[in-house]
C-alpha atoms as a PDB file:
ATOM      1  CA  MET A   1      15.704 -12.959   3.788  1.00  0.00           C
ATOM      2  CA  VAL A   2      12.759 -14.758   4.605  1.00  0.00           C
ATOM      3  CA  VAL A   3       9.262 -12.517   6.141  1.00  0.00           C
ATOM      4  CA  ALA A   4       6.916 -14.605   7.732  1.00  0.00           C
ATOM      5  CA  SER A   5       3.327 -12.174   8.046  1.00  0.00           C
ATOM      6  CA  GLY A   6      -0.085 -12.489   9.324  1.00  0.00           C
ATOM      7  CA  TYR A   7      -0.960 -10.287   6.653  1.00  0.00           C
ATOM      8  CA  ALA A   8      -1.892 -11.316   3.090  1.00  0.00           C
ATOM      9  CA  ARG A   9       0.895 -11.127  -0.050  1.00  0.00           C
ATOM     10  CA  ASP A  10      -1.522  -8.303  -1.377  1.00  0.00           C
ATOM     11  CA  THR A  11      -0.140  -6.340   1.508  1.00  0.00           C
ATOM     12  CA  ILE A  12       3.398  -5.717  -0.519  1.00  0.00           C
ATOM     13  CA  PRO A  13       3.916  -2.507  -1.664  1.00  0.00           C
ATOM     14  CA  ALA A  14       3.192  -2.989  -5.608  1.00  0.00           C
ATOM     15  CA  ASP A  15       6.446  -1.147  -6.008  1.00  0.00           C
ATOM     16  CA  GLY A  16       8.603  -4.616  -4.985  1.00  0.00           C
ATOM     17  CA  SER A  17      10.269  -2.696  -2.003  1.00  0.00           C
ATOM     18  CA  LEU A  18      10.793  -6.043  -0.525  1.00  0.00           C
ATOM     19  CA  GLY A  19      13.419  -6.686  -3.237  1.00  0.00           C
ATOM     20  CA  ALA A  20      14.328  -9.685  -5.416  1.00  0.00           C
ATOM     21  CA  ALA A  21      16.376 -11.115  -2.499  1.00  0.00           C
ATOM     22  CA  VAL A  22      13.124 -11.219   0.220  1.00  0.00           C
ATOM     23  CA  ALA A  23      10.628 -14.606  -0.152  1.00  0.00           C
ATOM     24  CA  PHE A  24       7.498 -13.842   1.628  1.00  0.00           C
ATOM     25  CA  LEU A  25       5.774 -16.459   3.494  1.00  0.00           C
ATOM     26  CA  ALA A  26       1.754 -15.793   4.585  1.00  0.00           C
ATOM     27  CA  LYS A  27       0.777 -17.478   7.646  1.00  0.00           C
ATOM     28  CA  PRO A  28      -0.216 -20.428   8.139  1.00  0.00           C
ATOM     29  CA  PHE A  29       2.927 -22.022   6.269  1.00  0.00           C
ATOM     30  CA  THR A  30       4.054 -25.685   6.061  1.00  0.00           C
ATOM     31  CA  LEU A  31       7.356 -26.845   6.921  1.00  0.00           C
ATOM     32  CA  ASP A  32       7.693 -27.311   3.097  1.00  0.00           C
ATOM     33  CA  GLN A  33       6.817 -23.790   2.275  1.00  0.00           C
ATOM     34  CA  LEU A  34       9.473 -22.483   4.914  1.00  0.00           C
ATOM     35  CA  ALA A  35      12.047 -24.945   3.372  1.00  0.00           C
ATOM     36  CA  ALA A  36      11.114 -24.295  -0.313  1.00  0.00           C
ATOM     37  CA  ALA A  37      11.604 -20.239   1.134  1.00  0.00           C
ATOM     38  CA  LEU A  38      14.971 -20.717   2.447  1.00  0.00           C
ATOM     39  CA  ARG A  39      16.320 -22.765  -0.302  1.00  0.00           C
ATOM     40  CA  ALA A  40      15.460 -19.967  -2.745  1.00  0.00           C
ATOM     41  CA  VAL A  41      16.919 -17.465  -1.036  1.00  0.00           C
ATOM     42  CA  LEU A  42      19.875 -19.937  -0.294  1.00  0.00           C
ATOM     43  CA  ASP A  43      20.470 -20.415  -3.951  1.00  0.00           C
ATOM     44  CA  GLY A  44      19.712 -16.759  -4.528  1.00  0.00           C
ATOM     45  CA  GLY A  45      16.699 -15.786  -5.441  1.00  0.00           C
END
């Protein structure tokens, strides 16, 4: 799963409750960053 947010990465709970299979993208992000996040999730982490 890829999560895109206007909030900063430090708003993610410290306990990692989003899980290991979640890629977080803070807006604004580039197409290259989106592609890398998608590839990481599709490759399993």
